[in-house]
Amino acid sequence: MSVSITPTLSTSKILILVDITTGSTGAYGTNFRLLRDSTAIYQSTDASGSQVDTTFSSIRGGIDSSNQFKVPMMFIDAPSSASSIDYKIQWSGETGSALKLNRSVSDADNNYTGRSASSITAIELAVGVL
């Protein structure tokens, strides 16, 4: 998922709103990263060992392949640019897990399994005189 925005001023801040629905196999966790162009932003920087620096992670446990989970996130970025900027979300799961966007992994044809929606929105917050 990605969104592009061209700020009016280089002093503008950008409000990023993310709303993701994903499914994963079993009780596997999922890690998400927010990127500005190719640079990871708004993430931990103190992961150690096998840990991963992420923007946010899914809750682990109690999730099976017929469930989905919703992950909301917001962040105000200060890119200091008036050029086009791409914001995107990357995600990864544990080894052996399957990840799906906007649906469960099983995607079973029954009345308790639905399809969902996800979005990423970028809103310019002007700082200075327009």
N, C-alpha and C. Protein backbone atom coordinates (compact mmCIF):
# COMPACT_ATOMS: atom_id res chain seq x y z
N MET A 1 0.85 -1.17 0.00
CA MET A 1 0.00 0.00 0.00
C MET A 1 0.89 1.23 0.00
N SER A 2 0.52 2.20 -0.82
CA SER A 2 1.30 3.43 -0.86
C SER A 2 0.42 4.60 -1.25
N VAL A 3 0.92 5.81 -0.96
CA VAL A 3 0.25 7.04 -1.32
C VAL A 3 1.32 8.08 -1.64
N SER A 4 1.05 8.95 -2.61
CA SER A 4 1.98 10.02 -2.97
C SER A 4 1.36 11.36 -2.64
N ILE A 5 2.22 12.31 -2.24
CA ILE A 5 1.77 13.67 -1.94
C ILE A 5 2.90 14.63 -2.31
N THR A 6 2.53 15.80 -2.82
CA THR A 6 3.50 16.85 -3.09
C THR A 6 3.14 18.04 -2.22
N PRO A 7 3.90 18.27 -1.15
CA PRO A 7 3.60 19.39 -0.25
C PRO A 7 3.72 20.73 -0.97
N THR A 8 2.90 21.69 -0.56
CA THR A 8 2.94 23.04 -1.10
C THR A 8 4.19 23.77 -0.64
N LEU A 9 4.57 23.55 0.62
CA LEU A 9 5.73 24.22 1.22
C LEU A 9 6.69 23.20 1.80
N SER A 10 7.97 23.51 1.82
CA SER A 10 8.95 22.60 2.42
C SER A 10 8.85 22.57 3.95
N THR A 11 8.12 23.55 4.53
CA THR A 11 7.92 23.58 5.98
C THR A 11 6.68 22.80 6.42
N SER A 12 5.90 22.31 5.46
CA SER A 12 4.68 21.57 5.81
C SER A 12 5.00 20.26 6.50
N LYS A 13 4.09 19.86 7.36
CA LYS A 13 4.15 18.54 7.97
C LYS A 13 3.10 17.69 7.25
N ILE A 14 3.27 16.38 7.29
CA ILE A 14 2.36 15.46 6.62
C ILE A 14 1.78 14.50 7.65
N LEU A 15 0.46 14.48 7.73
CA LEU A 15 -0.24 13.55 8.61
C LEU A 15 -0.50 12.27 7.81
N ILE A 16 0.02 11.16 8.29
CA ILE A 16 -0.17 9.86 7.64
C ILE A 16 -1.15 9.05 8.47
N LEU A 17 -2.22 8.62 7.84
CA LEU A 17 -3.23 7.78 8.48
C LEU A 17 -3.24 6.42 7.78
N VAL A 18 -3.05 5.37 8.55
CA VAL A 18 -3.02 4.02 8.00
C VAL A 18 -4.07 3.18 8.70
N ASP A 19 -4.78 2.40 7.93
CA ASP A 19 -5.80 1.50 8.44
C ASP A 19 -5.67 0.20 7.65
N ILE A 20 -5.09 -0.81 8.25
CA ILE A 20 -4.80 -2.06 7.53
C ILE A 20 -5.60 -3.21 8.14
N THR A 21 -6.15 -4.04 7.28
CA THR A 21 -6.77 -5.29 7.70
C THR A 21 -5.99 -6.42 7.07
N THR A 22 -5.47 -7.32 7.90
CA THR A 22 -4.69 -8.44 7.39
C THR A 22 -5.14 -9.74 8.04
N GLY A 23 -4.76 -10.81 7.40
CA GLY A 23 -4.96 -12.15 7.95
C GLY A 23 -3.62 -12.86 7.94
N SER A 24 -3.39 -13.73 8.90
CA SER A 24 -2.16 -14.52 8.92
C SER A 24 -2.48 -15.93 9.41
N THR A 25 -1.61 -16.86 9.09
CA THR A 25 -1.85 -18.24 9.49
C THR A 25 -1.57 -18.43 10.97
N GLY A 26 -2.38 -19.26 11.59
CA GLY A 26 -2.20 -19.60 12.99
C GLY A 26 -2.11 -18.39 13.89
N ALA A 27 -1.25 -18.45 14.87
CA ALA A 27 -1.08 -17.36 15.82
C ALA A 27 0.19 -16.57 15.53
N TYR A 28 0.60 -16.55 14.27
CA TYR A 28 1.81 -15.84 13.90
C TYR A 28 1.61 -14.33 13.97
N GLY A 29 2.63 -13.63 14.43
CA GLY A 29 2.60 -12.18 14.48
C GLY A 29 3.00 -11.58 13.13
N THR A 30 2.67 -10.32 12.93
CA THR A 30 3.01 -9.61 11.70
C THR A 30 3.65 -8.28 12.08
N ASN A 31 4.73 -7.92 11.41
CA ASN A 31 5.42 -6.66 11.64
C ASN A 31 5.17 -5.71 10.47
N PHE A 32 5.00 -4.41 10.80
CA PHE A 32 4.71 -3.40 9.79
C PHE A 32 5.73 -2.28 9.89
N ARG A 33 6.11 -1.72 8.74
CA ARG A 33 7.03 -0.58 8.68
C ARG A 33 6.45 0.51 7.80
N LEU A 34 6.58 1.76 8.26
CA LEU A 34 6.19 2.92 7.48
C LEU A 34 7.44 3.48 6.81
N LEU A 35 7.36 3.73 5.51
CA LEU A 35 8.50 4.28 4.77
C LEU A 35 8.13 5.59 4.09
N ARG A 36 9.08 6.52 4.08
CA ARG A 36 8.99 7.73 3.26
C ARG A 36 9.97 7.48 2.13
N ASP A 37 9.45 7.38 0.92
CA ASP A 37 10.25 6.95 -0.23
C ASP A 37 10.90 5.61 0.15
N SER A 38 12.20 5.50 0.24
CA SER A 38 12.81 4.21 0.59
C SER A 38 13.37 4.18 2.01
N THR A 39 13.07 5.23 2.81
CA THR A 39 13.60 5.33 4.17
C THR A 39 12.54 4.96 5.21
N ALA A 40 12.86 4.01 6.07
CA ALA A 40 11.95 3.64 7.15
C ALA A 40 11.88 4.80 8.15
N ILE A 41 10.67 5.18 8.53
CA ILE A 41 10.46 6.25 9.50
C ILE A 41 9.53 5.75 10.59
N TYR A 42 9.51 6.48 11.70
CA TYR A 42 8.62 6.16 12.82
C TYR A 42 8.69 4.69 13.20
N GLN A 43 9.90 4.27 13.57
CA GLN A 43 10.07 2.88 13.99
C GLN A 43 11.05 2.81 15.15
N SER A 44 11.02 1.71 15.83
CA SER A 44 11.96 1.45 16.91
C SER A 44 13.37 1.41 16.34
N THR A 45 14.33 1.74 17.17
CA THR A 45 15.74 1.64 16.75
C THR A 45 16.55 0.84 17.75
N ASP A 46 15.87 0.13 18.64
CA ASP A 46 16.63 -0.60 19.67
C ASP A 46 16.36 -2.11 19.69
N ALA A 47 15.93 -2.66 18.54
CA ALA A 47 15.74 -4.11 18.48
C ALA A 47 17.09 -4.79 18.62
N SER A 48 17.08 -5.97 19.24
CA SER A 48 18.33 -6.71 19.41
C SER A 48 18.10 -8.18 19.11
N GLY A 49 19.19 -8.89 18.86
CA GLY A 49 19.07 -10.32 18.56
C GLY A 49 18.24 -10.54 17.30
N SER A 50 17.23 -11.38 17.40
CA SER A 50 16.36 -11.68 16.26
C SER A 50 15.19 -10.71 16.13
N GLN A 51 15.08 -9.75 17.05
CA GLN A 51 13.99 -8.78 16.98
C GLN A 51 14.12 -7.92 15.74
N VAL A 52 13.00 -7.31 15.33
CA VAL A 52 12.95 -6.47 14.15
C VAL A 52 12.50 -5.07 14.55
N ASP A 53 13.19 -4.03 14.05
CA ASP A 53 12.73 -2.65 14.26
C ASP A 53 11.49 -2.44 13.41
N THR A 54 10.37 -2.11 14.04
CA THR A 54 9.11 -1.94 13.32
C THR A 54 8.40 -0.66 13.72
N THR A 55 7.43 -0.28 12.91
CA THR A 55 6.53 0.83 13.25
C THR A 55 5.44 0.30 14.18
N PHE A 56 4.89 -0.86 13.85
CA PHE A 56 3.93 -1.52 14.73
C PHE A 56 3.87 -3.00 14.40
N SER A 57 3.37 -3.80 15.34
CA SER A 57 3.28 -5.25 15.19
C SER A 57 1.89 -5.71 15.57
N SER A 58 1.48 -6.82 14.98
CA SER A 58 0.18 -7.38 15.32
C SER A 58 0.26 -8.07 16.67
N ILE A 59 -0.90 -8.27 17.26
CA ILE A 59 -0.99 -9.03 18.51
C ILE A 59 -0.90 -10.50 18.15
N ARG A 60 -0.12 -11.21 18.92
CA ARG A 60 0.07 -12.62 18.64
C ARG A 60 -0.79 -13.47 19.55
N GLY A 61 -1.33 -14.53 19.02
CA GLY A 61 -2.09 -15.47 19.82
C GLY A 61 -3.60 -15.33 19.60
N GLY A 62 -4.28 -16.45 19.55
CA GLY A 62 -5.72 -16.46 19.41
C GLY A 62 -6.21 -16.17 18.00
N ILE A 63 -5.30 -16.07 17.06
CA ILE A 63 -5.70 -15.78 15.69
C ILE A 63 -5.50 -17.05 14.87
N ASP A 64 -6.54 -17.45 14.13
CA ASP A 64 -6.36 -18.60 13.24
C ASP A 64 -6.53 -18.15 11.80
N SER A 65 -6.40 -19.06 10.87
CA SER A 65 -6.36 -18.69 9.46
C SER A 65 -7.71 -18.20 8.91
N SER A 66 -8.78 -18.24 9.71
CA SER A 66 -10.06 -17.71 9.23
C SER A 66 -10.34 -16.31 9.79
N ASN A 67 -9.42 -15.77 10.62
CA ASN A 67 -9.61 -14.46 11.23
C ASN A 67 -8.81 -13.38 10.51
N GLN A 68 -9.25 -12.14 10.71
CA GLN A 68 -8.54 -10.97 10.23
C GLN A 68 -8.34 -10.04 11.42
N PHE A 69 -7.36 -9.16 11.33
CA PHE A 69 -7.20 -8.17 12.37
C PHE A 69 -6.96 -6.81 11.75
N LYS A 70 -7.44 -5.79 12.44
CA LYS A 70 -7.37 -4.40 11.97
C LYS A 70 -6.27 -3.70 12.74
N VAL A 71 -5.40 -2.99 12.00
CA VAL A 71 -4.29 -2.26 12.61
C VAL A 71 -4.37 -0.80 12.18
N PRO A 72 -4.73 0.11 13.09
CA PRO A 72 -4.73 1.55 12.77
C PRO A 72 -3.43 2.21 13.22
N MET A 73 -3.01 3.27 12.52
CA MET A 73 -1.80 3.97 12.89
C MET A 73 -1.88 5.38 12.34
N MET A 74 -1.31 6.35 13.10
CA MET A 74 -1.17 7.71 12.57
C MET A 74 0.16 8.27 13.02
N PHE A 75 0.70 9.16 12.17
CA PHE A 75 2.01 9.73 12.42
C PHE A 75 2.11 11.07 11.70
N ILE A 76 2.72 12.06 12.34
CA ILE A 76 2.97 13.35 11.69
C ILE A 76 4.45 13.40 11.31
N ASP A 77 4.69 13.49 10.01
CA ASP A 77 6.06 13.52 9.48
C ASP A 77 6.44 14.94 9.11
N ALA A 78 7.72 15.24 9.20
CA ALA A 78 8.27 16.54 8.81
C ALA A 78 9.33 16.29 7.74
N PRO A 79 8.91 16.10 6.48
CA PRO A 79 9.86 15.69 5.44
C PRO A 79 10.79 16.80 4.95
N SER A 80 10.50 18.08 5.24
CA SER A 80 11.31 19.22 4.79
C SER A 80 11.52 19.19 3.28
N SER A 81 10.42 19.01 2.55
CA SER A 81 10.49 18.91 1.10
C SER A 81 9.21 19.45 0.46
N ALA A 82 9.36 20.03 -0.71
CA ALA A 82 8.20 20.44 -1.51
C ALA A 82 8.13 19.59 -2.78
N SER A 83 8.88 18.49 -2.80
CA SER A 83 8.86 17.55 -3.92
C SER A 83 7.91 16.41 -3.61
N SER A 84 7.55 15.65 -4.64
CA SER A 84 6.67 14.50 -4.46
C SER A 84 7.28 13.50 -3.49
N ILE A 85 6.46 13.00 -2.57
CA ILE A 85 6.89 12.03 -1.55
C ILE A 85 5.96 10.83 -1.63
N ASP A 86 6.54 9.64 -1.55
CA ASP A 86 5.76 8.41 -1.49
C ASP A 86 5.85 7.84 -0.09
N TYR A 87 4.70 7.57 0.50
CA TYR A 87 4.64 6.88 1.79
C TYR A 87 4.08 5.49 1.52
N LYS A 88 4.66 4.49 2.17
CA LYS A 88 4.16 3.14 1.96
C LYS A 88 4.33 2.30 3.22
N ILE A 89 3.58 1.22 3.25
CA ILE A 89 3.64 0.26 4.34
C ILE A 89 4.22 -1.04 3.80
N GLN A 90 5.19 -1.58 4.51
CA GLN A 90 5.71 -2.91 4.21
C GLN A 90 5.37 -3.80 5.40
N TRP A 91 5.16 -5.07 5.16
CA TRP A 91 4.91 -5.96 6.27
C TRP A 91 5.57 -7.31 6.03
N SER A 92 5.85 -7.96 7.14
CA SER A 92 6.47 -9.29 7.09
C SER A 92 5.93 -10.10 8.25
N GLY A 93 6.00 -11.40 8.09
CA GLY A 93 5.53 -12.30 9.14
C GLY A 93 6.61 -13.26 9.56
N GLU A 94 6.27 -14.07 10.53
CA GLU A 94 7.21 -15.08 11.00
C GLU A 94 7.44 -16.12 9.91
N THR A 95 8.59 -16.76 9.96
CA THR A 95 8.90 -17.82 9.00
C THR A 95 7.80 -18.87 9.03
N GLY A 96 7.31 -19.22 7.87
CA GLY A 96 6.27 -20.23 7.78
C GLY A 96 4.86 -19.68 7.80
N SER A 97 4.70 -18.38 7.99
CA SER A 97 3.35 -17.81 8.03
C SER A 97 2.94 -17.32 6.64
N ALA A 98 1.65 -17.29 6.41
CA ALA A 98 1.09 -16.70 5.19
C ALA A 98 0.40 -15.41 5.60
N LEU A 99 0.57 -14.36 4.81
CA LEU A 99 -0.04 -13.06 5.10
C LEU A 99 -0.95 -12.66 3.95
N LYS A 100 -2.11 -12.13 4.27
CA LYS A 100 -3.06 -11.68 3.25
C LYS A 100 -3.56 -10.30 3.62
N LEU A 101 -3.78 -9.49 2.61
CA LEU A 101 -4.32 -8.14 2.80
C LEU A 101 -5.81 -8.17 2.49
N ASN A 102 -6.62 -7.61 3.38
CA ASN A 102 -8.07 -7.45 3.20
C ASN A 102 -8.87 -8.75 3.17
N ARG A 103 -8.28 -9.81 3.66
CA ARG A 103 -9.01 -11.08 3.76
C ARG A 103 -8.28 -12.02 4.70
N SER A 104 -8.96 -13.08 5.10
CA SER A 104 -8.31 -14.10 5.91
C SER A 104 -7.46 -14.99 5.01
N VAL A 105 -6.60 -15.78 5.61
CA VAL A 105 -5.77 -16.71 4.83
C VAL A 105 -6.65 -17.79 4.21
N SER A 106 -7.59 -18.33 4.99
CA SER A 106 -8.43 -19.41 4.47
C SER A 106 -9.42 -18.90 3.42
N ASP A 107 -9.88 -17.67 3.57
CA ASP A 107 -10.83 -17.06 2.62
C ASP A 107 -12.00 -17.99 2.32
N ALA A 108 -12.48 -18.66 3.37
CA ALA A 108 -13.54 -19.65 3.22
C ALA A 108 -14.84 -19.00 2.74
N ASP A 109 -15.61 -19.76 1.99
CA ASP A 109 -16.90 -19.30 1.47
C ASP A 109 -18.00 -19.64 2.46
N ASN A 110 -18.13 -18.80 3.52
CA ASN A 110 -19.19 -18.99 4.49
C ASN A 110 -19.61 -17.63 5.04
N ASN A 111 -20.69 -17.60 5.80
CA ASN A 111 -21.28 -16.32 6.23
C ASN A 111 -20.53 -15.64 7.37
N TYR A 112 -19.48 -16.22 7.91
CA TYR A 112 -18.70 -15.56 8.96
C TYR A 112 -17.31 -15.13 8.47
N THR A 113 -17.02 -15.33 7.20
CA THR A 113 -15.74 -14.91 6.64
C THR A 113 -16.00 -13.78 5.65
N GLY A 114 -15.46 -12.62 5.95
CA GLY A 114 -15.70 -11.47 5.08
C GLY A 114 -14.44 -10.99 4.39
N ARG A 115 -14.65 -10.09 3.48
CA ARG A 115 -13.55 -9.36 2.85
C ARG A 115 -13.56 -7.96 3.46
N SER A 116 -12.41 -7.34 3.59
CA SER A 116 -12.30 -6.06 4.28
C SER A 116 -11.62 -5.03 3.39
N ALA A 117 -11.37 -3.86 3.96
CA ALA A 117 -10.71 -2.77 3.23
C ALA A 117 -9.57 -2.22 4.07
N SER A 118 -8.59 -1.63 3.38
CA SER A 118 -7.45 -0.98 4.02
C SER A 118 -7.21 0.34 3.30
N SER A 119 -6.55 1.27 4.00
CA SER A 119 -6.25 2.55 3.35
C SER A 119 -4.99 3.17 3.95
N ILE A 120 -4.38 4.04 3.15
CA ILE A 120 -3.30 4.89 3.62
C ILE A 120 -3.58 6.27 3.04
N THR A 121 -3.58 7.28 3.92
CA THR A 121 -3.93 8.64 3.53
C THR A 121 -2.84 9.59 3.99
N ALA A 122 -2.49 10.54 3.13
CA ALA A 122 -1.50 11.57 3.47
C ALA A 122 -2.19 12.93 3.37
N ILE A 123 -2.11 13.71 4.44
CA ILE A 123 -2.76 15.03 4.51
C ILE A 123 -1.69 16.08 4.84
N GLU A 124 -1.60 17.11 4.01
CA GLU A 124 -0.64 18.17 4.27
C GLU A 124 -1.14 19.09 5.38
N LEU A 125 -0.28 19.34 6.34
CA LEU A 125 -0.55 20.30 7.41
C LEU A 125 0.39 21.47 7.17
N ALA A 126 -0.12 22.54 6.58
CA ALA A 126 0.72 23.66 6.21
C ALA A 126 1.27 24.37 7.44
N VAL A 127 2.56 24.65 7.43
CA VAL A 127 3.23 25.40 8.48
C VAL A 127 3.88 26.59 7.79
N GLY A 128 3.47 27.77 8.12
CA GLY A 128 4.00 28.96 7.44
C GLY A 128 2.88 29.66 6.68
N VAL A 129 3.24 30.57 5.83
CA VAL A 129 2.27 31.38 5.08
C VAL A 129 2.07 30.77 3.71
N LEU A 130 0.83 30.56 3.32
CA LEU A 130 0.52 30.04 1.98
C LEU A 130 0.40 31.17 0.99
